[in-house]
Amino acid sequence: MENNAKHEAQTWSAVIEPNGKFLNLNLKEIWNSRDLLHLFIKRNIITVYKQTILGWLWFVINPILSTVLYMFVFGGIAGLSTDGLPQSVFYMAGVLLWSYFSACFNATSNFLSGNTYLFEKVYFPRLILPISALFSSLVTFAVQGGLLLITWLYFRLGGVQIHATWELLALPLYVLLLAGTGFSWGLICNSLTIKYRDLNSFIRVGMNLLMYVTPVVYPLSLVESRSYGWVLRANPLTGIFECFRHSITGLGAMDWGGLLYCFACMCATLFLGLWMFSRSERNFIDTV
């Protein structure tokens, strides 16, 4: 009786229970853990190229190597059109957007199974890890964006007829759509691969294929009149790439409808991804 009385009188400062609701994101808990979010963002930035010889120079080397490779393969050997844009500007713009999208997707698609050792030791809101990756990847995006600006100025001052338009003010919108799409698609894949690990191989292949049905290395105008042009139109990322290139060069057309379509797809997949994550989060420790 005495032990029962002590147990009833005991109060707890925090109670951790499994999430039993249909969709419970607990945004207040994430906000209260913002200091931890800052630490993860700092960790991601510092450890990217830790213990490497060139260190942060890889932020610049990677987009340069990718741009040169695309210029040689797609611009030289394949002879694909760039709609009159300098090849380096065209391909570097594509590399910039695709690198950020793929970084957001990769960081989200396996964050549960890839950090099991951490989740087993201490509790914190799980979504903090992929959210921190969205912000830390902005550092790479900013550095590579500066490299694109230098390349753009080189051709602009050299007399090439390219100019930025007022639609460049929508750059935060482009970044938000890329991050939201990569995050939502990553959550869906993450929820599936927890139980079915062999799906990781299909996802890697799928990401490689996705790049080629996204206007990264060729303009939409090159394929939209062909029988398979609808595939690119169905890709939510297409509008972002086309609008961004128009914003920095003044060539092509601003596809507001494509951005609206991307936003609608992002909202739908984000809801689906969060719902699937809520279900898989309850017992993922036992699964992995």
C-alpha atoms as a PDB file:
ATOM      1  CA  MET A   1       0.000   0.000   0.000  1.00  0.00           C
ATOM      2  CA  GLU A   2       2.809   2.379   0.864  1.00  0.00           C
ATOM      3  CA  ASN A   3       4.556   1.768  -2.491  1.00  0.00           C
ATOM      4  CA  ASN A   4       1.316   2.361  -4.367  1.00  0.00           C
ATOM      5  CA  ALA A   5       0.783   5.640  -2.543  1.00  0.00           C
ATOM      6  CA  LYS A   6       4.303   6.805  -3.441  1.00  0.00           C
ATOM      7  CA  HIS A   7       3.762   5.799  -7.066  1.00  0.00           C
ATOM      8  CA  GLU A   8       0.488   7.731  -7.266  1.00  0.00           C
ATOM      9  CA  ALA A   9       2.057  10.798  -5.651  1.00  0.00           C
ATOM     10  CA  GLN A  10       4.995  10.808  -8.051  1.00  0.00           C
ATOM     11  CA  THR A  11       4.819  13.368 -10.848  1.00  0.00           C
ATOM     12  CA  TRP A  12       6.733  13.384 -14.138  1.00  0.00           C
ATOM     13  CA  SER A  13       8.216  16.408 -15.861  1.00  0.00           C
ATOM     14  CA  ALA A  14       7.778  14.825 -19.296  1.00  0.00           C
ATOM     15  CA  VAL A  15       5.915  11.824 -20.628  1.00  0.00           C
ATOM     16  CA  ILE A  16       6.890  10.216 -23.932  1.00  0.00           C
ATOM     17  CA  GLU A  17       4.084   8.285 -25.580  1.00  0.00           C
ATOM     18  CA  PRO A  18       3.684   6.734 -29.050  1.00  0.00           C
ATOM     19  CA  ASN A  19       1.976   8.908 -31.597  1.00  0.00           C
ATOM     20  CA  GLY A  20      -1.506   7.488 -32.009  1.00  0.00           C
ATOM     21  CA  LYS A  21      -3.178  10.260 -33.970  1.00  0.00           C
ATOM     22  CA  PHE A  22      -3.821  10.314 -37.693  1.00  0.00           C
ATOM     23  CA  LEU A  23      -1.352  13.157 -38.269  1.00  0.00           C
ATOM     24  CA  ASN A  24       0.423  14.693 -35.296  1.00  0.00           C
ATOM     25  CA  LEU A  25       3.494  16.713 -36.263  1.00  0.00           C
ATOM     26  CA  ASN A  26       3.917  18.308 -32.831  1.00  0.00           C
ATOM     27  CA  LEU A  27       5.322  21.514 -34.287  1.00  0.00           C
ATOM     28  CA  LYS A  28       5.538  23.033 -30.806  1.00  0.00           C
ATOM     29  CA  GLU A  29       8.013  20.330 -29.786  1.00  0.00           C
ATOM     30  CA  ILE A  30      10.121  21.035 -32.877  1.00  0.00           C
ATOM     31  CA  TRP A  31      10.088  24.762 -32.092  1.00  0.00           C
ATOM     32  CA  ASN A  32      11.105  24.133 -28.477  1.00  0.00           C
ATOM     33  CA  SER A  33      14.049  22.089 -29.801  1.00  0.00           C
ATOM     34  CA  ARG A  34      15.309  24.862 -32.097  1.00  0.00           C
ATOM     35  CA  ASP A  35      18.633  25.030 -30.248  1.00  0.00           C
ATOM     36  CA  LEU A  36      19.207  21.404 -31.176  1.00  0.00           C
ATOM     37  CA  LEU A  37      18.216  22.262 -34.750  1.00  0.00           C
ATOM     38  CA  HIS A  38      20.925  24.949 -34.827  1.00  0.00           C
ATOM     39  CA  LEU A  39      23.493  22.442 -33.565  1.00  0.00           C
ATOM     40  CA  PHE A  40      22.597  19.925 -36.280  1.00  0.00           C
ATOM     41  CA  ILE A  41      22.807  22.615 -38.959  1.00  0.00           C
ATOM     42  CA  LYS A  42      26.261  23.615 -37.711  1.00  0.00           C
ATOM     43  CA  ARG A  43      27.346  19.969 -37.544  1.00  0.00           C
ATOM     44  CA  ASN A  44      26.190  19.305 -41.102  1.00  0.00           C
ATOM     45  CA  ILE A  45      28.116  22.275 -42.447  1.00  0.00           C
ATOM     46  CA  ILE A  46      31.333  21.507 -40.579  1.00  0.00           C
ATOM     47  CA  THR A  47      31.472  17.769 -41.251  1.00  0.00           C
ATOM     48  CA  VAL A  48      30.687  17.824 -44.986  1.00  0.00           C
ATOM     49  CA  TYR A  49      34.322  17.909 -46.070  1.00  0.00           C
ATOM     50  CA  LYS A  50      36.010  17.294 -42.731  1.00  0.00           C
ATOM     51  CA  GLN A  51      39.345  15.459 -42.931  1.00  0.00           C
ATOM     52  CA  THR A  52      39.707  16.184 -46.647  1.00  0.00           C
ATOM     53  CA  ILE A  53      42.724  17.798 -48.273  1.00  0.00           C
ATOM     54  CA  LEU A  54      40.859  20.488 -50.216  1.00  0.00           C
ATOM     55  CA  GLY A  55      38.142  21.025 -47.612  1.00  0.00           C
ATOM     56  CA  TRP A  56      35.573  23.677 -48.524  1.00  0.00           C
ATOM     57  CA  LEU A  57      37.053  24.055 -52.000  1.00  0.00           C
ATOM     58  CA  TRP A  58      34.886  21.065 -52.917  1.00  0.00           C
ATOM     59  CA  PHE A  59      31.893  23.399 -52.750  1.00  0.00           C
ATOM     60  CA  VAL A  60      33.338  25.055 -55.870  1.00  0.00           C
ATOM     61  CA  ILE A  61      35.132  22.108 -57.475  1.00  0.00           C
ATOM     62  CA  ASN A  62      32.054  19.870 -57.677  1.00  0.00           C
ATOM     63  CA  PRO A  63      29.842  22.237 -59.739  1.00  0.00           C
ATOM     64  CA  ILE A  64      32.779  23.182 -61.984  1.00  0.00           C
ATOM     65  CA  LEU A  65      33.600  19.542 -62.752  1.00  0.00           C
ATOM     66  CA  SER A  66      29.937  18.727 -63.366  1.00  0.00           C
ATOM     67  CA  THR A  67      29.527  21.732 -65.666  1.00  0.00           C
ATOM     68  CA  VAL A  68      32.649  20.880 -67.672  1.00  0.00           C
ATOM     69  CA  LEU A  69      31.511  17.254 -67.984  1.00  0.00           C
ATOM     70  CA  TYR A  70      28.062  18.288 -69.232  1.00  0.00           C
ATOM     71  CA  MET A  71      29.593  20.738 -71.685  1.00  0.00           C
ATOM     72  CA  PHE A  72      31.796  17.987 -73.079  1.00  0.00           C
ATOM     73  CA  VAL A  73      29.191  15.187 -73.208  1.00  0.00           C
ATOM     74  CA  PHE A  74      25.883  16.922 -73.868  1.00  0.00           C
ATOM     75  CA  GLY A  75      27.054  20.141 -75.468  1.00  0.00           C
ATOM     76  CA  GLY A  76      29.992  18.720 -77.423  1.00  0.00           C
ATOM     77  CA  ILE A  77      29.424  15.037 -78.211  1.00  0.00           C
ATOM     78  CA  ALA A  78      25.599  15.009 -78.188  1.00  0.00           C
ATOM     79  CA  GLY A  79      25.325  18.553 -79.535  1.00  0.00           C
ATOM     80  CA  LEU A  80      22.206  19.396 -77.518  1.00  0.00           C
ATOM     81  CA  SER A  81      20.837  22.915 -77.833  1.00  0.00           C
ATOM     82  CA  THR A  82      20.972  25.358 -74.949  1.00  0.00           C
ATOM     83  CA  ASP A  83      18.476  27.823 -76.458  1.00  0.00           C
ATOM     84  CA  GLY A  84      21.226  30.264 -77.360  1.00  0.00           C
ATOM     85  CA  LEU A  85      22.632  30.469 -73.838  1.00  0.00           C
ATOM     86  CA  PRO A  86      26.344  30.070 -73.104  1.00  0.00           C
ATOM     87  CA  GLN A  87      26.816  26.429 -72.232  1.00  0.00           C
ATOM     88  CA  SER A  88      28.562  27.103 -68.951  1.00  0.00           C
ATOM     89  CA  VAL A  89      25.715  29.340 -67.710  1.00  0.00           C
ATOM     90  CA  PHE A  90      23.050  26.908 -68.885  1.00  0.00           C
ATOM     91  CA  TYR A  91      24.575  23.800 -67.337  1.00  0.00           C
ATOM     92  CA  MET A  92      25.739  25.510 -64.150  1.00  0.00           C
ATOM     93  CA  ALA A  93      22.214  26.786 -63.509  1.00  0.00           C
ATOM     94  CA  GLY A  94      20.909  23.232 -63.898  1.00  0.00           C
ATOM     95  CA  VAL A  95      23.611  21.823 -61.633  1.00  0.00           C
ATOM     96  CA  LEU A  96      22.841  24.448 -58.983  1.00  0.00           C
ATOM     97  CA  LEU A  97      19.141  23.559 -58.742  1.00  0.00           C
ATOM     98  CA  TRP A  98      19.565  19.807 -59.105  1.00  0.00           C
ATOM     99  CA  SER A  99      22.307  19.659 -56.466  1.00  0.00           C
ATOM    100  CA  TYR A 100      20.100  21.376 -53.904  1.00  0.00           C
ATOM    101  CA  PHE A 101      17.066  19.228 -54.701  1.00  0.00           C
ATOM    102  CA  SER A 102      19.041  15.981 -54.550  1.00  0.00           C
ATOM    103  CA  ALA A 103      20.713  17.054 -51.287  1.00  0.00           C
ATOM    104  CA  CYS A 104      17.290  17.664 -49.699  1.00  0.00           C
ATOM    105  CA  PHE A 105      15.935  14.371 -51.013  1.00  0.00           C
ATOM    106  CA  ASN A 106      18.954  12.251 -50.025  1.00  0.00           C
ATOM    107  CA  ALA A 107      19.086  13.720 -46.520  1.00  0.00           C
ATOM    108  CA  THR A 108      15.410  12.897 -45.959  1.00  0.00           C
ATOM    109  CA  SER A 109      15.065   9.572 -47.738  1.00  0.00           C
ATOM    110  CA  ASN A 110      17.098   7.535 -45.221  1.00  0.00           C
ATOM    111  CA  PHE A 111      17.406   9.682 -42.095  1.00  0.00           C
ATOM    112  CA  LEU A 112      15.599   7.177 -39.832  1.00  0.00           C
ATOM    113  CA  SER A 113      17.537   4.047 -40.770  1.00  0.00           C
ATOM    114  CA  GLY A 114      20.769   6.038 -41.125  1.00  0.00           C
ATOM    115  CA  ASN A 115      20.623   7.471 -37.593  1.00  0.00           C
ATOM    116  CA  THR A 116      19.295   4.514 -35.606  1.00  0.00           C
ATOM    117  CA  TYR A 117      22.286   4.664 -33.260  1.00  0.00           C
ATOM    118  CA  LEU A 118      21.288   8.196 -32.296  1.00  0.00           C
ATOM    119  CA  PHE A 119      17.569   7.558 -31.885  1.00  0.00           C
ATOM    120  CA  GLU A 120      18.231   4.580 -29.626  1.00  0.00           C
ATOM    121  CA  LYS A 121      20.158   6.706 -27.131  1.00  0.00           C
ATOM    122  CA  VAL A 122      18.090   9.863 -26.715  1.00  0.00           C
ATOM    123  CA  TYR A 123      14.690  11.192 -27.674  1.00  0.00           C
ATOM    124  CA  PHE A 124      14.204  14.338 -29.750  1.00  0.00           C
ATOM    125  CA  PRO A 125      11.797  15.251 -32.562  1.00  0.00           C
ATOM    126  CA  ARG A 126      12.844  13.036 -35.473  1.00  0.00           C
ATOM    127  CA  LEU A 127      12.034  15.591 -38.146  1.00  0.00           C
ATOM    128  CA  ILE A 128      14.751  17.902 -36.835  1.00  0.00           C
ATOM    129  CA  LEU A 129      17.392  15.882 -38.723  1.00  0.00           C
ATOM    130  CA  PRO A 130      16.002  16.293 -42.274  1.00  0.00           C
ATOM    131  CA  ILE A 131      14.908  19.872 -41.559  1.00  0.00           C
ATOM    132  CA  SER A 132      18.459  20.728 -40.505  1.00  0.00           C
ATOM    133  CA  ALA A 133      19.733  19.285 -43.792  1.00  0.00           C
ATOM    134  CA  LEU A 134      17.407  21.582 -45.744  1.00  0.00           C
ATOM    135  CA  PHE A 135      18.994  24.620 -44.112  1.00  0.00           C
ATOM    136  CA  SER A 136      22.606  23.433 -44.113  1.00  0.00           C
ATOM    137  CA  SER A 137      22.360  22.631 -47.840  1.00  0.00           C
ATOM    138  CA  LEU A 138      21.582  26.302 -48.411  1.00  0.00           C
ATOM    139  CA  VAL A 139      25.246  27.048 -47.686  1.00  0.00           C
ATOM    140  CA  THR A 140      26.306  24.933 -50.659  1.00  0.00           C
ATOM    141  CA  PHE A 141      23.530  26.506 -52.717  1.00  0.00           C
ATOM    142  CA  ALA A 142      24.768  30.007 -51.847  1.00  0.00           C
ATOM    143  CA  VAL A 143      28.412  29.210 -52.667  1.00  0.00           C
ATOM    144  CA  GLN A 144      27.519  27.609 -55.986  1.00  0.00           C
ATOM    145  CA  GLY A 145      25.110  30.458 -56.693  1.00  0.00           C
ATOM    146  CA  GLY A 146      28.008  32.873 -56.266  1.00  0.00           C
ATOM    147  CA  LEU A 147      30.004  30.842 -58.773  1.00  0.00           C
ATOM    148  CA  LEU A 148      27.082  31.045 -61.216  1.00  0.00           C
ATOM    149  CA  LEU A 149      26.951  34.810 -60.699  1.00  0.00           C
ATOM    150  CA  ILE A 150      30.646  35.152 -61.559  1.00  0.00           C
ATOM    151  CA  THR A 151      30.146  33.093 -64.722  1.00  0.00           C
ATOM    152  CA  TRP A 152      27.067  35.137 -65.638  1.00  0.00           C
ATOM    153  CA  LEU A 153      28.978  38.430 -65.183  1.00  0.00           C
ATOM    154  CA  TYR A 154      31.817  37.146 -67.356  1.00  0.00           C
ATOM    155  CA  PHE A 155      29.515  36.589 -70.324  1.00  0.00           C
ATOM    156  CA  ARG A 156      27.360  39.633 -69.612  1.00  0.00           C
ATOM    157  CA  LEU A 157      30.369  41.978 -69.573  1.00  0.00           C
ATOM    158  CA  GLY A 158      31.709  40.140 -72.624  1.00  0.00           C
ATOM    159  CA  GLY A 159      28.733  41.324 -74.670  1.00  0.00           C
ATOM    160  CA  VAL A 160      26.493  38.253 -74.580  1.00  0.00           C
ATOM    161  CA  GLN A 161      22.834  39.306 -74.636  1.00  0.00           C
ATOM    162  CA  ILE A 162      21.641  37.906 -71.332  1.00  0.00           C
ATOM    163  CA  HIS A 163      20.077  39.855 -68.499  1.00  0.00           C
ATOM    164  CA  ALA A 164      18.292  39.157 -65.254  1.00  0.00           C
ATOM    165  CA  THR A 165      14.560  39.857 -65.090  1.00  0.00           C
ATOM    166  CA  TRP A 166      12.356  41.002 -62.228  1.00  0.00           C
ATOM    167  CA  GLU A 167      11.164  37.401 -61.842  1.00  0.00           C
ATOM    168  CA  LEU A 168      14.516  36.706 -60.153  1.00  0.00           C
ATOM    169  CA  LEU A 169      12.797  38.108 -57.045  1.00  0.00           C
ATOM    170  CA  ALA A 170      10.971  34.773 -56.973  1.00  0.00           C
ATOM    171  CA  LEU A 171      14.254  32.978 -56.159  1.00  0.00           C
ATOM    172  CA  PRO A 172      13.119  32.235 -52.562  1.00  0.00           C
ATOM    173  CA  LEU A 173      10.014  30.622 -54.077  1.00  0.00           C
ATOM    174  CA  TYR A 174      12.160  28.407 -56.328  1.00  0.00           C
ATOM    175  CA  VAL A 175      14.259  27.336 -53.337  1.00  0.00           C
ATOM    176  CA  LEU A 176      11.163  26.676 -51.220  1.00  0.00           C
ATOM    177  CA  LEU A 177       9.613  24.501 -53.929  1.00  0.00           C
ATOM    178  CA  LEU A 178      12.846  22.538 -54.412  1.00  0.00           C
ATOM    179  CA  ALA A 179      13.263  21.995 -50.669  1.00  0.00           C
ATOM    180  CA  GLY A 180       9.609  21.111 -50.110  1.00  0.00           C
ATOM    181  CA  THR A 181       9.502  18.685 -53.024  1.00  0.00           C
ATOM    182  CA  GLY A 182      12.755  16.967 -52.039  1.00  0.00           C
ATOM    183  CA  PHE A 183      11.635  16.817 -48.399  1.00  0.00           C
ATOM    184  CA  SER A 184       8.192  15.378 -49.184  1.00  0.00           C
ATOM    185  CA  TRP A 185       9.456  12.799 -51.678  1.00  0.00           C
ATOM    186  CA  GLY A 186      12.201  11.853 -49.243  1.00  0.00           C
ATOM    187  CA  LEU A 187       9.682  11.265 -46.440  1.00  0.00           C
ATOM    188  CA  ILE A 188       7.674   8.906 -48.637  1.00  0.00           C
ATOM    189  CA  CYS A 189      10.781   6.933 -49.619  1.00  0.00           C
ATOM    190  CA  ASN A 190      12.052   6.954 -46.035  1.00  0.00           C
ATOM    191  CA  SER A 191       8.808   5.447 -44.748  1.00  0.00           C
ATOM    192  CA  LEU A 192       8.942   2.688 -47.360  1.00  0.00           C
ATOM    193  CA  THR A 193      12.631   1.762 -47.048  1.00  0.00           C
ATOM    194  CA  ILE A 194      12.428   1.286 -43.278  1.00  0.00           C
ATOM    195  CA  LYS A 195      10.574  -1.970 -43.854  1.00  0.00           C
ATOM    196  CA  TYR A 196      11.713  -2.800 -47.375  1.00  0.00           C
ATOM    197  CA  ARG A 197      15.452  -2.125 -47.586  1.00  0.00           C
ATOM    198  CA  ASP A 198      15.835  -3.354 -51.166  1.00  0.00           C
ATOM    199  CA  LEU A 199      13.820  -0.341 -52.328  1.00  0.00           C
ATOM    200  CA  ASN A 200      16.961   1.748 -51.796  1.00  0.00           C
ATOM    201  CA  SER A 201      18.413   0.339 -55.005  1.00  0.00           C
ATOM    202  CA  PHE A 202      15.292   1.275 -56.974  1.00  0.00           C
ATOM    203  CA  ILE A 203      15.326   4.765 -55.474  1.00  0.00           C
ATOM    204  CA  ARG A 204      18.944   5.361 -56.528  1.00  0.00           C
ATOM    205  CA  VAL A 205      18.131   4.271 -60.068  1.00  0.00           C
ATOM    206  CA  GLY A 206      14.965   6.344 -60.014  1.00  0.00           C
ATOM    207  CA  MET A 207      16.867   9.487 -59.020  1.00  0.00           C
ATOM    208  CA  ASN A 208      19.286   9.018 -61.906  1.00  0.00           C
ATOM    209  CA  LEU A 209      16.376   8.609 -64.307  1.00  0.00           C
ATOM    210  CA  LEU A 210      14.573  11.593 -62.821  1.00  0.00           C
ATOM    211  CA  MET A 211      17.479  13.849 -63.689  1.00  0.00           C
ATOM    212  CA  TYR A 212      17.087  12.964 -67.364  1.00  0.00           C
ATOM    213  CA  VAL A 213      13.363  13.726 -67.381  1.00  0.00           C
ATOM    214  CA  THR A 214      14.109  17.093 -65.780  1.00  0.00           C
ATOM    215  CA  PRO A 215      15.507  19.918 -67.967  1.00  0.00           C
ATOM    216  CA  VAL A 216      18.900  19.921 -66.271  1.00  0.00           C
ATOM    217  CA  VAL A 217      21.093  19.312 -69.319  1.00  0.00           C
ATOM    218  CA  TYR A 218      18.671  20.361 -72.062  1.00  0.00           C
ATOM    219  CA  PRO A 219      15.900  22.967 -72.417  1.00  0.00           C
ATOM    220  CA  LEU A 220      12.211  22.087 -72.400  1.00  0.00           C
ATOM    221  CA  SER A 221      11.829  23.559 -75.900  1.00  0.00           C
ATOM    222  CA  LEU A 222      14.019  20.748 -77.254  1.00  0.00           C
ATOM    223  CA  VAL A 223      11.531  17.985 -76.404  1.00  0.00           C
ATOM    224  CA  GLU A 224       8.135  19.546 -75.646  1.00  0.00           C
ATOM    225  CA  SER A 225       6.965  19.222 -79.260  1.00  0.00           C
ATOM    226  CA  ARG A 226       7.832  15.516 -79.372  1.00  0.00           C
ATOM    227  CA  SER A 227       5.593  12.618 -78.440  1.00  0.00           C
ATOM    228  CA  TYR A 228       7.258  12.164 -75.044  1.00  0.00           C
ATOM    229  CA  GLY A 229       7.244  15.855 -74.161  1.00  0.00           C
ATOM    230  CA  TRP A 230       4.320  15.267 -71.801  1.00  0.00           C
ATOM    231  CA  VAL A 231       6.678  13.346 -69.498  1.00  0.00           C
ATOM    232  CA  LEU A 232       8.640  16.514 -68.778  1.00  0.00           C
ATOM    233  CA  ARG A 233       5.445  18.509 -68.381  1.00  0.00           C
ATOM    234  CA  ALA A 234       4.234  15.974 -65.831  1.00  0.00           C
ATOM    235  CA  ASN A 235       7.456  16.420 -63.833  1.00  0.00           C
ATOM    236  CA  PRO A 236       6.790  19.044 -61.102  1.00  0.00           C
ATOM    237  CA  LEU A 237      10.454  20.144 -61.185  1.00  0.00           C
ATOM    238  CA  THR A 238      10.325  21.248 -64.822  1.00  0.00           C
ATOM    239  CA  GLY A 239       8.669  24.583 -64.140  1.00  0.00           C
ATOM    240  CA  ILE A 240      11.280  25.541 -61.533  1.00  0.00           C
ATOM    241  CA  PHE A 241      14.229  24.922 -63.850  1.00  0.00           C
ATOM    242  CA  GLU A 242      12.647  26.756 -66.777  1.00  0.00           C
ATOM    243  CA  CYS A 243      11.588  29.747 -64.680  1.00  0.00           C
ATOM    244  CA  PHE A 244      14.975  30.056 -62.999  1.00  0.00           C
ATOM    245  CA  ARG A 245      16.848  30.074 -66.307  1.00  0.00           C
ATOM    246  CA  HIS A 246      14.457  32.695 -67.658  1.00  0.00           C
ATOM    247  CA  SER A 247      14.954  34.798 -64.523  1.00  0.00           C
ATOM    248  CA  ILE A 248      18.734  34.955 -64.892  1.00  0.00           C
ATOM    249  CA  THR A 249      18.985  35.224 -68.690  1.00  0.00           C
ATOM    250  CA  GLY A 250      15.775  36.823 -69.960  1.00  0.00           C
ATOM    251  CA  LEU A 251      15.445  34.059 -72.559  1.00  0.00           C
ATOM    252  CA  GLY A 252      12.570  31.633 -72.781  1.00  0.00           C
ATOM    253  CA  ALA A 253       9.272  32.219 -70.995  1.00  0.00           C
ATOM    254  CA  MET A 254       8.173  32.433 -67.379  1.00  0.00           C
ATOM    255  CA  ASP A 255       5.994  29.408 -66.633  1.00  0.00           C
ATOM    256  CA  TRP A 256       3.816  30.517 -63.724  1.00  0.00           C
ATOM    257  CA  GLY A 257       1.465  27.627 -64.424  1.00  0.00           C
ATOM    258  CA  GLY A 258       4.359  25.216 -63.984  1.00  0.00           C
ATOM    259  CA  LEU A 259       5.195  26.761 -60.606  1.00  0.00           C
ATOM    260  CA  LEU A 260       1.563  26.495 -59.495  1.00  0.00           C
ATOM    261  CA  TYR A 261       1.500  22.863 -60.606  1.00  0.00           C
ATOM    262  CA  CYS A 262       4.708  22.189 -58.667  1.00  0.00           C
ATOM    263  CA  PHE A 263       3.233  23.835 -55.549  1.00  0.00           C
ATOM    264  CA  ALA A 264       0.080  21.719 -55.768  1.00  0.00           C
ATOM    265  CA  CYS A 265       2.118  18.523 -56.182  1.00  0.00           C
ATOM    266  CA  MET A 266       4.361  19.521 -53.287  1.00  0.00           C
ATOM    267  CA  CYS A 267       1.374  20.060 -50.965  1.00  0.00           C
ATOM    268  CA  ALA A 268      -0.122  16.690 -51.932  1.00  0.00           C
ATOM    269  CA  THR A 269       3.107  14.717 -51.524  1.00  0.00           C
ATOM    270  CA  LEU A 270       3.979  16.587 -48.315  1.00  0.00           C
ATOM    271  CA  PHE A 271       0.682  15.569 -46.735  1.00  0.00           C
ATOM    272  CA  LEU A 272       1.172  11.973 -47.890  1.00  0.00           C
ATOM    273  CA  GLY A 273       4.786  11.921 -46.712  1.00  0.00           C
ATOM    274  CA  LEU A 274       3.968  13.298 -43.257  1.00  0.00           C
ATOM    275  CA  TRP A 275       1.117  10.813 -42.861  1.00  0.00           C
ATOM    276  CA  MET A 276       3.357   7.892 -43.825  1.00  0.00           C
ATOM    277  CA  PHE A 277       6.089   9.193 -41.534  1.00  0.00           C
ATOM    278  CA  SER A 278       3.647   9.448 -38.598  1.00  0.00           C
ATOM    279  CA  ARG A 279       2.711   5.801 -39.082  1.00  0.00           C
ATOM    280  CA  SER A 280       6.259   4.494 -39.484  1.00  0.00           C
ATOM    281  CA  GLU A 281       7.698   6.580 -36.633  1.00  0.00           C
ATOM    282  CA  ARG A 282       5.683   4.722 -34.014  1.00  0.00           C
ATOM    283  CA  ASN A 283       7.668   1.486 -34.206  1.00  0.00           C
ATOM    284  CA  PHE A 284      10.595   2.098 -36.534  1.00  0.00           C
ATOM    285  CA  ILE A 285      13.121   1.279 -33.772  1.00  0.00           C
ATOM    286  CA  ASP A 286      11.686  -2.233 -33.560  1.00  0.00           C
ATOM    287  CA  THR A 287      11.692  -2.550 -37.358  1.00  0.00           C
ATOM    288  CA  VAL A 288      15.290  -1.470 -38.017  1.00  0.00           C
END
